[in-house]
Amino acid sequence: MSEPIDKQTIIEILTSLAPEADFAALRGDEDLREALDLDSMDFMNFVIALHERSGIDIPESDYPKFRTLNGVSAYFTGQQR
């Protein structure tokens, strides 16, 4: 399945990993792992879900670009790839 990755899709994926998080208070420049208390496995599941939803291969060297909501959004709008 391939679909565009927008902020709503990113939040939907993150909600499945951190359902107790307050996404209304999440700033675009906050470190997602710290703000949402994601461990390494949660972060990997986040990247895998982004790949599955978008159909875009995500090399491990790009993982640091997914530290923030802004970074993820920019990656999928082609600003950082």
Protein backbone atom coordinates (compact mmCIF):
# COMPACT_ATOMS: atom_id res chain seq x y z
CA MET A 1 0.00 0.00 0.00
CA SER A 2 1.32 3.40 -0.93
CA GLU A 3 -0.07 6.66 0.35
CA PRO A 4 1.24 10.16 0.91
CA ILE A 5 2.73 10.77 4.33
CA ASP A 6 1.30 13.93 5.83
CA LYS A 7 1.21 15.19 9.40
CA GLN A 8 -2.09 13.41 10.09
CA THR A 9 -0.63 10.08 8.95
CA ILE A 10 2.51 10.61 11.04
CA ILE A 11 0.40 11.35 14.14
CA GLU A 12 -1.78 8.31 13.42
CA ILE A 13 1.28 6.05 13.33
CA LEU A 14 2.72 7.63 16.48
CA THR A 15 -0.62 7.26 18.27
CA SER A 16 -0.48 3.51 17.70
CA LEU A 17 2.95 3.48 19.41
CA ALA A 18 2.25 5.99 22.20
CA PRO A 19 -1.54 6.12 22.71
CA GLU A 20 -1.22 8.04 25.99
CA ALA A 21 0.75 10.93 24.46
CA ASP A 22 -0.65 14.45 24.19
CA PHE A 23 -0.14 15.14 20.50
CA ALA A 24 -1.79 18.55 20.75
CA ALA A 25 1.16 19.68 22.87
CA LEU A 26 3.82 18.10 20.62
CA ARG A 27 5.97 20.75 18.95
CA GLY A 28 7.32 20.14 15.48
CA ASP A 29 10.92 20.52 16.62
CA GLU A 30 10.72 18.24 19.68
CA ASP A 31 12.67 15.00 19.73
CA LEU A 32 9.97 12.36 19.20
CA ARG A 33 11.77 9.68 21.18
CA GLU A 34 12.05 11.91 24.24
CA ALA A 35 8.68 13.64 23.97
CA LEU A 36 6.75 10.40 23.44
CA ASP A 37 9.02 8.12 25.51
CA LEU A 38 9.70 5.85 22.53
CA ASP A 39 12.32 3.16 22.99
CA SER A 40 14.50 1.83 20.18
CA MET A 41 11.95 -0.82 19.18
CA ASP A 42 9.13 1.74 19.10
CA PHE A 43 11.23 4.00 16.89
CA MET A 44 12.05 1.11 14.55
CA ASN A 45 8.34 0.24 14.35
CA PHE A 46 7.65 3.90 13.51
CA VAL A 47 10.12 3.82 10.62
CA ILE A 48 8.76 0.48 9.40
CA ALA A 49 5.19 1.84 9.48
CA LEU A 50 6.29 4.91 7.50
CA HIS A 51 7.90 2.63 4.93
CA GLU A 52 4.84 0.38 4.70
CA ARG A 53 2.43 3.32 4.35
CA SER A 54 4.53 5.26 1.84
CA GLY A 55 6.08 2.44 -0.15
CA ILE A 56 9.37 4.38 0.05
CA ASP A 57 12.54 2.56 1.05
CA ILE A 58 14.13 4.33 4.00
CA PRO A 59 17.86 3.72 4.36
CA GLU A 60 19.21 3.47 7.90
CA SER A 61 21.39 6.51 7.19
CA ASP A 62 18.17 8.58 6.96
CA TYR A 63 16.83 7.54 10.38
CA PRO A 64 18.23 10.65 12.13
CA LYS A 65 15.95 12.75 9.92
CA PHE A 66 12.99 11.21 11.76
CA ARG A 67 13.90 12.67 15.15
CA THR A 68 11.24 15.38 14.92
CA LEU A 69 7.78 15.79 13.46
CA ASN A 70 9.14 18.56 11.21
CA GLY A 71 11.95 16.27 10.05
CA VAL A 72 9.56 13.46 9.13
CA SER A 73 7.26 15.86 7.29
CA ALA A 74 10.17 17.41 5.38
CA TYR A 75 11.52 13.98 4.42
CA PHE A 76 8.27 12.92 2.84
CA THR A 77 7.68 16.19 1.06
CA GLY A 78 11.07 15.77 -0.59
CA GLN A 79 12.82 18.57 1.26
CA GLN A 80 15.45 16.34 2.90
CA ARG A 81 15.82 13.30 0.67
